[in-house]
N, C-alpha and C. Protein backbone atom coordinates (compact mmCIF):
# COMPACT_ATOMS: atom_id res chain seq x y z
N UNK A 1 79.41 -109.85 -167.12
CA UNK A 1 79.67 -109.26 -165.76
C UNK A 1 79.88 -107.70 -165.98
N UNK A 2 79.27 -106.89 -165.17
CA UNK A 2 79.38 -105.54 -165.20
C UNK A 2 80.27 -104.93 -164.10
N UNK A 3 81.05 -103.95 -164.28
CA UNK A 3 81.76 -103.31 -163.19
C UNK A 3 80.92 -102.31 -162.53
N UNK A 4 81.44 -101.70 -161.44
CA UNK A 4 80.66 -100.77 -160.65
C UNK A 4 80.20 -99.57 -161.53
N UNK A 5 81.01 -99.11 -162.28
CA UNK A 5 80.60 -97.84 -163.14
C UNK A 5 79.53 -98.16 -164.11
N UNK A 6 79.59 -99.35 -164.74
CA UNK A 6 78.48 -99.84 -165.62
C UNK A 6 77.21 -99.98 -164.82
N UNK A 7 77.35 -100.63 -163.73
CA UNK A 7 76.11 -100.90 -162.82
C UNK A 7 75.50 -99.56 -162.43
N UNK A 8 76.37 -98.58 -162.20
CA UNK A 8 75.79 -97.31 -161.82
C UNK A 8 74.98 -96.66 -162.96
N UNK A 9 75.44 -96.75 -164.23
CA UNK A 9 74.73 -96.24 -165.35
C UNK A 9 73.42 -96.93 -165.63
N UNK A 10 73.39 -98.20 -165.25
CA UNK A 10 72.20 -99.11 -165.43
C UNK A 10 71.20 -98.71 -164.38
N UNK A 11 71.64 -98.49 -163.18
CA UNK A 11 70.79 -98.06 -162.02
C UNK A 11 70.19 -96.78 -162.27
N UNK A 12 71.02 -95.84 -162.74
CA UNK A 12 70.55 -94.44 -163.10
C UNK A 12 69.38 -94.49 -164.09
N UNK A 13 69.61 -95.32 -165.05
CA UNK A 13 68.55 -95.51 -166.04
C UNK A 13 67.35 -96.04 -165.65
N UNK A 14 67.46 -97.02 -164.74
CA UNK A 14 66.26 -97.71 -164.14
C UNK A 14 65.44 -96.71 -163.33
N UNK A 15 66.23 -95.81 -162.50
CA UNK A 15 65.59 -94.84 -161.67
C UNK A 15 64.84 -93.88 -162.60
N UNK A 16 65.34 -93.60 -163.68
CA UNK A 16 64.69 -92.50 -164.54
C UNK A 16 63.57 -93.16 -165.43
N UNK A 17 63.47 -94.39 -165.31
CA UNK A 17 62.40 -95.18 -166.07
C UNK A 17 62.79 -95.33 -167.61
N UNK A 18 64.02 -95.36 -167.82
CA UNK A 18 64.52 -95.56 -169.30
C UNK A 18 64.55 -97.04 -169.56
N UNK A 19 64.61 -97.34 -170.82
CA UNK A 19 64.60 -98.78 -171.36
C UNK A 19 66.28 -99.07 -171.36
N UNK A 20 66.62 -99.61 -170.26
CA UNK A 20 68.04 -99.92 -169.99
C UNK A 20 68.52 -101.10 -170.90
N UNK A 21 67.60 -101.80 -171.39
CA UNK A 21 68.06 -102.99 -172.24
C UNK A 21 68.78 -102.58 -173.54
N UNK A 22 68.68 -101.29 -173.98
CA UNK A 22 69.43 -100.78 -175.08
C UNK A 22 70.97 -100.74 -174.79
N UNK A 23 71.24 -100.41 -173.49
CA UNK A 23 72.71 -100.31 -173.15
C UNK A 23 73.20 -101.28 -172.15
N UNK A 24 72.37 -101.90 -171.40
CA UNK A 24 72.80 -102.83 -170.32
C UNK A 24 73.44 -104.14 -171.00
N UNK A 25 74.49 -103.93 -171.51
CA UNK A 25 75.24 -104.98 -172.26
C UNK A 25 76.79 -104.88 -171.87
N UNK A 26 77.34 -106.06 -171.63
CA UNK A 26 78.78 -105.93 -171.32
C UNK A 26 79.67 -105.34 -172.45
N UNK A 27 79.09 -105.30 -173.57
CA UNK A 27 79.91 -104.81 -174.66
C UNK A 27 80.20 -103.32 -174.62
N UNK A 28 79.35 -102.67 -173.78
CA UNK A 28 79.37 -101.22 -173.66
C UNK A 28 80.19 -100.85 -172.27
N UNK A 29 81.20 -99.94 -172.35
CA UNK A 29 81.72 -99.47 -171.18
C UNK A 29 80.95 -98.42 -170.51
N UNK A 30 81.31 -97.93 -169.37
CA UNK A 30 80.38 -97.02 -168.63
C UNK A 30 80.19 -95.73 -169.41
N UNK A 31 81.29 -95.21 -170.09
CA UNK A 31 81.05 -93.97 -170.87
C UNK A 31 80.13 -94.14 -171.97
N UNK A 32 80.22 -95.21 -172.71
CA UNK A 32 79.22 -95.52 -173.74
C UNK A 32 77.84 -95.59 -173.18
N UNK A 33 77.66 -96.29 -172.14
CA UNK A 33 76.44 -96.41 -171.44
C UNK A 33 75.87 -95.04 -171.09
N UNK A 34 76.72 -94.17 -170.47
CA UNK A 34 76.42 -92.81 -170.23
C UNK A 34 75.84 -92.04 -171.31
N UNK A 35 76.52 -92.14 -172.48
CA UNK A 35 76.10 -91.44 -173.70
C UNK A 35 74.73 -91.89 -174.21
N UNK A 36 74.58 -93.21 -174.14
CA UNK A 36 73.31 -93.87 -174.66
C UNK A 36 72.17 -93.42 -173.65
N UNK A 37 72.51 -93.42 -172.37
CA UNK A 37 71.52 -93.06 -171.34
C UNK A 37 71.13 -91.51 -171.54
N UNK A 38 72.18 -90.73 -171.75
CA UNK A 38 71.90 -89.26 -171.94
C UNK A 38 70.92 -89.09 -173.13
N UNK A 39 71.26 -89.80 -174.25
CA UNK A 39 70.44 -89.72 -175.42
C UNK A 39 68.98 -90.12 -175.15
N UNK A 40 68.82 -91.24 -174.41
CA UNK A 40 67.39 -91.64 -174.00
C UNK A 40 66.79 -90.59 -173.32
N UNK A 41 67.41 -90.00 -172.32
CA UNK A 41 66.88 -88.96 -171.42
C UNK A 41 66.40 -87.77 -172.27
N UNK A 42 67.21 -87.45 -173.42
CA UNK A 42 66.81 -86.33 -174.21
C UNK A 42 65.89 -86.71 -175.44
N UNK A 43 65.45 -87.87 -175.39
CA UNK A 43 64.38 -88.39 -176.49
C UNK A 43 65.06 -88.62 -177.83
N UNK A 44 66.35 -88.86 -177.81
CA UNK A 44 67.15 -89.02 -179.06
C UNK A 44 67.02 -90.45 -179.52
N UNK A 45 67.07 -90.69 -180.83
CA UNK A 45 67.14 -92.02 -181.37
C UNK A 45 68.52 -92.54 -181.28
N UNK A 46 68.75 -93.28 -180.17
CA UNK A 46 69.93 -93.74 -179.88
C UNK A 46 70.51 -94.94 -180.77
N UNK A 47 69.54 -95.46 -181.44
CA UNK A 47 69.97 -96.53 -182.37
C UNK A 47 71.01 -96.18 -183.40
N UNK A 48 71.03 -94.95 -183.68
CA UNK A 48 72.16 -94.46 -184.62
C UNK A 48 73.55 -94.54 -184.09
N UNK A 49 73.71 -94.47 -182.67
CA UNK A 49 75.02 -94.64 -182.11
C UNK A 49 75.25 -95.61 -181.14
N UNK A 50 74.20 -96.29 -180.70
CA UNK A 50 74.32 -97.29 -179.74
C UNK A 50 74.95 -98.59 -180.24
N UNK A 51 76.13 -98.51 -180.61
CA UNK A 51 76.89 -99.57 -181.27
C UNK A 51 78.30 -99.62 -180.55
N UNK A 52 78.67 -100.82 -180.23
CA UNK A 52 79.98 -100.95 -179.60
C UNK A 52 81.17 -100.44 -180.25
N UNK A 53 81.08 -100.38 -181.61
CA UNK A 53 82.14 -99.87 -182.48
C UNK A 53 82.49 -98.37 -182.25
N UNK A 54 81.53 -97.66 -181.71
CA UNK A 54 81.62 -96.18 -181.42
C UNK A 54 82.17 -96.09 -179.97
N UNK A 55 83.23 -95.36 -179.79
CA UNK A 55 83.85 -95.14 -178.38
C UNK A 55 82.77 -94.10 -177.69
N UNK A 56 83.01 -93.97 -176.49
CA UNK A 56 82.15 -93.01 -175.76
C UNK A 56 82.33 -91.55 -176.18
N UNK A 57 83.44 -91.14 -176.62
CA UNK A 57 83.52 -89.73 -177.15
C UNK A 57 82.96 -89.56 -178.46
N UNK A 58 83.00 -90.62 -179.36
CA UNK A 58 82.36 -90.69 -180.67
C UNK A 58 80.86 -90.55 -180.38
N UNK A 59 80.38 -91.33 -179.43
CA UNK A 59 78.90 -91.38 -179.24
C UNK A 59 78.39 -89.92 -178.71
N UNK A 60 79.23 -89.32 -177.94
CA UNK A 60 78.92 -88.02 -177.50
C UNK A 60 78.79 -86.97 -178.69
N UNK A 61 79.74 -87.05 -179.70
CA UNK A 61 79.64 -86.15 -180.82
C UNK A 61 78.35 -86.50 -181.73
N UNK A 62 78.06 -87.69 -181.91
CA UNK A 62 76.78 -88.08 -182.46
C UNK A 62 75.62 -87.59 -181.82
N UNK A 63 75.60 -87.78 -180.53
CA UNK A 63 74.40 -87.32 -179.72
C UNK A 63 74.21 -85.87 -179.77
N UNK A 64 75.34 -85.09 -179.67
CA UNK A 64 75.31 -83.74 -179.77
C UNK A 64 74.78 -83.25 -181.05
N UNK A 65 75.12 -83.89 -182.04
CA UNK A 65 74.64 -83.58 -183.47
C UNK A 65 73.17 -83.79 -183.63
N UNK A 66 72.74 -84.85 -183.14
CA UNK A 66 71.27 -85.20 -183.11
C UNK A 66 70.55 -84.23 -182.20
N UNK A 67 71.13 -83.87 -181.14
CA UNK A 67 70.40 -82.83 -180.28
C UNK A 67 70.23 -81.42 -180.96
N UNK A 68 71.34 -81.13 -181.77
CA UNK A 68 71.30 -79.86 -182.37
C UNK A 68 70.43 -79.92 -183.75
N UNK A 69 70.04 -81.16 -184.12
CA UNK A 69 69.26 -81.32 -185.30
C UNK A 69 69.99 -81.34 -186.67
N UNK A 70 71.16 -81.66 -186.62
CA UNK A 70 71.97 -81.81 -187.86
C UNK A 70 71.95 -83.17 -188.35
N UNK A 71 72.16 -83.35 -189.67
CA UNK A 71 72.22 -84.64 -190.32
C UNK A 71 73.68 -85.25 -189.95
N UNK A 72 73.63 -86.27 -189.03
CA UNK A 72 74.89 -86.81 -188.58
C UNK A 72 75.39 -87.96 -189.52
N UNK A 73 74.62 -88.27 -190.55
CA UNK A 73 75.10 -89.44 -191.41
C UNK A 73 76.46 -89.24 -192.00
N UNK A 74 76.82 -87.98 -192.24
CA UNK A 74 78.15 -87.71 -192.75
C UNK A 74 79.30 -88.08 -191.83
N UNK A 75 79.02 -88.21 -190.55
CA UNK A 75 80.21 -88.60 -189.64
C UNK A 75 80.04 -89.77 -188.84
N UNK A 76 78.92 -90.52 -189.15
CA UNK A 76 78.83 -91.69 -188.31
C UNK A 76 79.30 -92.93 -189.10
N UNK A 77 80.17 -92.72 -190.02
CA UNK A 77 80.96 -93.71 -190.79
C UNK A 77 82.17 -94.11 -190.07
N UNK A 78 82.74 -95.40 -190.34
CA UNK A 78 83.99 -95.70 -189.80
C UNK A 78 85.08 -94.77 -190.31
N UNK A 79 86.03 -94.54 -189.55
CA UNK A 79 87.19 -93.88 -189.94
C UNK A 79 87.37 -92.44 -189.36
N UNK A 80 86.34 -91.98 -188.71
CA UNK A 80 86.45 -90.69 -188.00
C UNK A 80 86.61 -90.83 -186.52
N UNK A 81 87.51 -90.11 -185.96
CA UNK A 81 87.70 -90.20 -184.47
C UNK A 81 86.78 -89.01 -183.94
N UNK A 82 86.75 -88.96 -182.59
CA UNK A 82 85.76 -87.97 -182.02
C UNK A 82 86.06 -86.52 -182.40
N UNK A 83 87.41 -86.24 -182.44
CA UNK A 83 87.78 -84.88 -182.76
C UNK A 83 87.35 -84.44 -184.15
N UNK A 84 87.48 -85.41 -185.14
CA UNK A 84 87.10 -85.12 -186.54
C UNK A 84 85.53 -84.93 -186.53
N UNK A 85 84.87 -85.87 -185.76
CA UNK A 85 83.34 -85.83 -185.72
C UNK A 85 82.97 -84.42 -185.13
N UNK A 86 83.62 -83.94 -184.19
CA UNK A 86 83.40 -82.64 -183.52
C UNK A 86 83.48 -81.55 -184.54
N UNK A 87 84.48 -81.59 -185.34
CA UNK A 87 84.73 -80.44 -186.34
C UNK A 87 83.60 -80.56 -187.49
N UNK A 88 83.19 -81.71 -187.80
CA UNK A 88 82.20 -81.89 -188.83
C UNK A 88 80.84 -81.44 -188.28
N UNK A 89 80.58 -81.85 -186.93
CA UNK A 89 79.37 -81.25 -186.28
C UNK A 89 79.41 -79.71 -186.22
N UNK A 90 80.46 -79.23 -185.86
CA UNK A 90 80.50 -77.63 -185.81
C UNK A 90 80.23 -77.05 -187.08
N UNK A 91 80.81 -77.68 -188.09
CA UNK A 91 80.62 -77.15 -189.52
C UNK A 91 79.09 -77.22 -189.97
N UNK A 92 78.46 -78.44 -189.62
CA UNK A 92 77.07 -78.52 -189.93
C UNK A 92 76.15 -77.57 -189.16
N UNK A 93 76.53 -77.39 -187.82
CA UNK A 93 75.74 -76.47 -187.10
C UNK A 93 75.86 -75.05 -187.57
N UNK A 94 76.96 -74.73 -188.33
CA UNK A 94 77.06 -73.36 -188.83
C UNK A 94 76.63 -73.29 -190.22
N UNK A 95 76.16 -74.36 -190.68
CA UNK A 95 75.54 -74.37 -192.12
C UNK A 95 76.63 -74.36 -193.24
N UNK A 96 77.80 -74.88 -193.00
CA UNK A 96 78.85 -74.98 -193.82
C UNK A 96 78.78 -76.17 -194.68
N UNK A 97 79.33 -76.23 -195.80
CA UNK A 97 79.54 -77.35 -196.81
C UNK A 97 80.58 -78.18 -196.22
N UNK A 98 80.32 -79.09 -195.28
CA UNK A 98 81.33 -79.93 -194.74
C UNK A 98 81.94 -81.02 -195.62
N UNK A 99 81.30 -81.27 -196.85
CA UNK A 99 81.63 -82.23 -197.64
C UNK A 99 83.17 -81.99 -198.11
N UNK A 100 83.58 -80.72 -198.04
CA UNK A 100 84.91 -80.37 -198.41
C UNK A 100 86.02 -80.97 -197.47
N UNK A 101 85.57 -81.00 -196.29
CA UNK A 101 86.64 -81.59 -195.26
C UNK A 101 86.14 -82.89 -194.45
N UNK A 102 84.96 -83.35 -194.68
CA UNK A 102 84.46 -84.53 -193.98
C UNK A 102 85.06 -85.76 -194.57
N UNK A 103 86.41 -85.87 -194.51
CA UNK A 103 87.11 -86.98 -195.06
C UNK A 103 88.10 -87.56 -194.07
N UNK A 104 88.07 -88.80 -193.85
CA UNK A 104 89.02 -89.36 -192.83
C UNK A 104 90.50 -88.97 -193.04
N UNK A 105 90.92 -88.66 -194.33
CA UNK A 105 92.33 -88.25 -194.52
C UNK A 105 92.72 -86.93 -193.90
N UNK A 106 91.71 -86.10 -193.57
CA UNK A 106 92.07 -84.84 -192.72
C UNK A 106 91.97 -85.16 -191.37
N UNK A 107 93.02 -84.66 -190.62
CA UNK A 107 92.86 -84.81 -189.19
C UNK A 107 92.14 -83.73 -188.53
N UNK A 108 91.84 -83.81 -187.31
CA UNK A 108 91.13 -82.79 -186.54
C UNK A 108 91.62 -81.43 -186.82
N UNK A 109 92.91 -81.08 -186.78
CA UNK A 109 93.47 -79.62 -187.04
C UNK A 109 93.24 -79.20 -188.39
N UNK A 110 93.56 -80.08 -189.35
CA UNK A 110 93.36 -79.74 -190.75
C UNK A 110 91.85 -79.39 -191.01
N UNK A 111 90.95 -80.20 -190.40
CA UNK A 111 89.53 -79.91 -190.44
C UNK A 111 89.12 -78.48 -189.86
N UNK A 112 89.82 -78.27 -188.78
CA UNK A 112 89.63 -76.88 -188.12
C UNK A 112 89.98 -75.71 -189.10
N UNK A 113 91.12 -75.89 -189.60
CA UNK A 113 91.59 -74.80 -190.58
C UNK A 113 90.66 -74.73 -191.82
N UNK A 114 90.21 -75.77 -192.29
CA UNK A 114 89.23 -75.64 -193.49
C UNK A 114 87.96 -75.02 -192.98
N UNK A 115 87.55 -75.48 -191.85
CA UNK A 115 86.21 -75.01 -191.37
C UNK A 115 86.32 -73.45 -191.10
N UNK A 116 87.32 -73.02 -190.52
CA UNK A 116 87.58 -71.65 -190.23
C UNK A 116 87.62 -70.83 -191.50
N UNK A 117 88.28 -71.37 -192.60
CA UNK A 117 88.28 -70.68 -193.92
C UNK A 117 86.92 -70.63 -194.55
N UNK A 118 86.16 -71.64 -194.44
CA UNK A 118 84.77 -71.76 -195.04
C UNK A 118 84.01 -70.64 -194.25
N UNK A 119 84.14 -70.57 -192.97
CA UNK A 119 83.38 -69.58 -192.18
C UNK A 119 83.70 -68.19 -192.46
N UNK A 120 84.94 -67.95 -193.02
CA UNK A 120 85.36 -66.62 -193.33
C UNK A 120 85.08 -66.34 -194.76
N UNK A 121 84.58 -67.29 -195.49
CA UNK A 121 84.18 -67.21 -196.84
C UNK A 121 85.45 -67.15 -197.75
N UNK A 122 86.48 -67.91 -197.36
CA UNK A 122 87.64 -68.03 -198.21
C UNK A 122 87.64 -69.05 -199.20
N UNK A 123 88.46 -69.09 -200.20
CA UNK A 123 88.53 -70.12 -201.15
C UNK A 123 89.41 -71.26 -200.62
N UNK A 124 88.79 -72.15 -199.86
CA UNK A 124 89.54 -73.17 -199.14
C UNK A 124 90.14 -74.22 -199.99
N UNK A 125 89.56 -74.36 -201.36
CA UNK A 125 90.06 -75.30 -202.22
C UNK A 125 91.58 -75.13 -202.57
N UNK A 126 92.01 -73.90 -202.22
CA UNK A 126 93.55 -73.66 -202.39
C UNK A 126 94.38 -74.57 -201.43
N UNK A 127 93.84 -74.77 -200.15
CA UNK A 127 94.54 -75.48 -199.21
C UNK A 127 93.87 -76.72 -198.61
N UNK A 128 92.66 -77.02 -199.11
CA UNK A 128 91.88 -78.19 -198.56
C UNK A 128 92.42 -79.52 -199.22
N UNK A 129 93.59 -79.80 -198.99
CA UNK A 129 94.33 -80.91 -199.61
C UNK A 129 95.11 -81.69 -198.43
N UNK A 130 95.02 -83.01 -198.33
CA UNK A 130 95.62 -83.72 -197.28
C UNK A 130 97.12 -83.54 -197.23
N UNK A 131 97.74 -83.22 -198.43
CA UNK A 131 99.26 -83.07 -198.37
C UNK A 131 99.73 -81.83 -197.60
N UNK A 132 98.92 -80.94 -197.28
CA UNK A 132 99.20 -79.79 -196.38
C UNK A 132 98.98 -80.09 -194.95
N UNK A 133 99.95 -79.87 -194.12
CA UNK A 133 99.71 -80.01 -192.66
C UNK A 133 98.81 -78.86 -192.17
N UNK A 134 98.26 -78.89 -191.01
CA UNK A 134 97.40 -77.92 -190.44
C UNK A 134 98.18 -76.56 -190.28
N UNK A 135 99.33 -76.67 -190.00
CA UNK A 135 100.11 -75.25 -189.87
C UNK A 135 100.34 -74.66 -191.21
N UNK A 136 100.55 -75.50 -192.24
CA UNK A 136 100.77 -74.95 -193.55
C UNK A 136 99.36 -74.33 -194.03
N UNK A 137 98.30 -75.17 -193.69
CA UNK A 137 96.99 -74.57 -194.03
C UNK A 137 96.56 -73.30 -193.43
N UNK A 138 97.07 -73.12 -192.21
CA UNK A 138 96.87 -71.95 -191.40
C UNK A 138 97.59 -70.74 -192.04
N UNK A 139 98.85 -70.91 -192.54
CA UNK A 139 99.58 -69.89 -193.25
C UNK A 139 98.94 -69.46 -194.54
N UNK A 140 98.39 -70.43 -195.26
CA UNK A 140 97.58 -70.20 -196.41
C UNK A 140 96.36 -69.42 -196.17
N UNK A 141 95.68 -69.82 -195.07
CA UNK A 141 94.32 -69.30 -194.82
C UNK A 141 94.58 -67.72 -194.26
N UNK A 142 95.76 -67.40 -193.51
CA UNK A 142 96.02 -66.17 -193.19
C UNK A 142 96.34 -65.35 -194.39
N UNK A 143 97.00 -65.86 -195.30
CA UNK A 143 97.35 -65.15 -196.58
C UNK A 143 96.13 -64.84 -197.37
N UNK A 144 95.24 -65.80 -197.42
CA UNK A 144 93.93 -65.62 -198.11
C UNK A 144 93.14 -64.49 -197.42
N UNK A 145 93.10 -64.51 -196.16
CA UNK A 145 92.34 -63.57 -195.41
C UNK A 145 92.85 -62.14 -195.54
N UNK A 146 94.19 -62.03 -195.81
CA UNK A 146 94.85 -60.83 -195.92
C UNK A 146 94.83 -60.33 -197.45
N UNK A 147 94.22 -61.14 -198.25
CA UNK A 147 94.18 -60.77 -199.66
C UNK A 147 95.48 -60.95 -200.43
N UNK A 148 96.33 -61.83 -200.01
CA UNK A 148 97.59 -62.02 -200.69
C UNK A 148 97.51 -62.98 -201.77
N UNK A 149 98.50 -63.02 -202.70
CA UNK A 149 98.61 -63.90 -203.71
C UNK A 149 99.30 -65.18 -203.20
N UNK A 150 98.55 -66.10 -202.60
CA UNK A 150 99.07 -67.24 -201.78
C UNK A 150 99.72 -68.31 -202.74
N UNK A 151 99.44 -68.20 -204.05
CA UNK A 151 99.92 -69.25 -205.01
C UNK A 151 101.50 -69.27 -205.01
N UNK A 152 102.08 -68.10 -204.47
CA UNK A 152 103.55 -68.09 -204.46
C UNK A 152 104.11 -69.02 -203.40
N UNK A 153 103.33 -69.36 -202.33
CA UNK A 153 103.79 -70.17 -201.29
C UNK A 153 102.77 -71.34 -200.91
N UNK A 154 101.70 -71.58 -201.60
CA UNK A 154 100.84 -72.49 -201.24
C UNK A 154 101.24 -73.89 -201.86
N UNK A 155 102.37 -74.35 -201.45
CA UNK A 155 102.91 -75.49 -202.21
C UNK A 155 103.41 -76.41 -200.95
N UNK A 156 103.06 -77.71 -201.04
CA UNK A 156 103.32 -78.58 -199.97
C UNK A 156 104.92 -78.72 -199.67
N UNK A 157 105.78 -78.38 -200.61
CA UNK A 157 107.16 -78.52 -200.38
C UNK A 157 107.73 -77.49 -199.47
N UNK A 158 106.90 -76.38 -199.24
CA UNK A 158 107.34 -75.36 -198.30
C UNK A 158 106.83 -75.73 -196.88
N UNK A 159 107.75 -75.72 -195.92
CA UNK A 159 107.47 -75.93 -194.48
C UNK A 159 106.48 -74.69 -193.96
N UNK A 160 105.80 -74.89 -192.96
CA UNK A 160 104.92 -73.85 -192.52
C UNK A 160 105.69 -72.60 -192.09
N UNK A 161 106.96 -72.74 -191.73
CA UNK A 161 107.83 -71.60 -191.28
C UNK A 161 108.21 -70.96 -192.57
N UNK A 162 108.54 -71.58 -193.58
CA UNK A 162 108.95 -70.98 -194.88
C UNK A 162 107.67 -70.26 -195.34
N UNK A 163 106.48 -70.85 -195.36
CA UNK A 163 105.29 -70.14 -195.82
C UNK A 163 105.00 -68.91 -194.87
N UNK A 164 105.26 -68.99 -193.65
CA UNK A 164 105.00 -67.80 -192.79
C UNK A 164 105.99 -66.60 -193.23
N UNK A 165 107.15 -66.97 -193.53
CA UNK A 165 108.12 -65.94 -193.90
C UNK A 165 107.74 -65.35 -195.27
N UNK A 166 107.30 -66.22 -196.23
CA UNK A 166 106.87 -65.67 -197.47
C UNK A 166 105.60 -64.83 -197.42
N UNK A 167 104.73 -65.32 -196.60
CA UNK A 167 103.45 -64.53 -196.39
C UNK A 167 103.77 -63.21 -195.75
N UNK A 168 104.63 -63.14 -194.74
CA UNK A 168 105.01 -61.87 -194.20
C UNK A 168 105.60 -60.90 -195.13
N UNK A 169 106.50 -61.48 -196.11
CA UNK A 169 107.06 -60.65 -197.03
C UNK A 169 106.09 -60.10 -198.07
N UNK A 170 105.16 -60.95 -198.48
CA UNK A 170 104.07 -60.61 -199.40
C UNK A 170 103.19 -59.50 -198.76
N UNK A 171 102.94 -59.60 -197.54
CA UNK A 171 102.18 -58.61 -196.76
C UNK A 171 102.83 -57.33 -196.73
N UNK A 172 104.23 -57.24 -196.37
CA UNK A 172 104.88 -56.00 -196.41
C UNK A 172 104.89 -55.42 -197.67
N UNK A 173 105.16 -56.21 -198.82
CA UNK A 173 105.21 -55.66 -200.15
C UNK A 173 103.74 -54.99 -200.48
N UNK A 174 102.75 -55.72 -200.07
CA UNK A 174 101.29 -55.21 -200.30
C UNK A 174 101.11 -53.90 -199.70
N UNK A 175 101.52 -53.88 -198.41
CA UNK A 175 101.32 -52.70 -197.62
C UNK A 175 102.29 -51.53 -197.95
N UNK A 176 103.37 -51.75 -198.53
CA UNK A 176 104.31 -50.68 -198.97
C UNK A 176 103.86 -49.97 -200.34
N UNK A 177 102.88 -50.67 -200.95
CA UNK A 177 102.53 -50.04 -202.24
C UNK A 177 101.45 -48.98 -202.12
């Protein structure tokens, strides 16, 4: 039995001449149906993501990756939420080596920090470790960007506020020389 939102997605697909049998299944909610229909409209191979285990937002990120021509195989594995998929897709679209952060143990914000560091050409291996929270990663990234000796504070036992204070002190010392 389909609800009205699901029926709407099926009707739209029929009107557009799409093969609605791919998504006209009660296992898919309306958002999942919408993402599959959007992929079909764009000529995308929806078989990669037309699976009930992917939520609508996850399907959107896979569809966007396929539309931009990136290899989505690195983030169509179980364990990634849509935000993580989004960050991996952004990295792939930028030509970055996402294997450094395309790991379920990194959350969306940690992935952002690593991606920004890669984009800036920084040595992200200093902080691309799950034991650092994203705010800690941010402090280390700022220090690397400023050319500071981050090994002084790039330690998980320091809170991000402690790291920030140490980074500012190192920056003042560097600028006073």
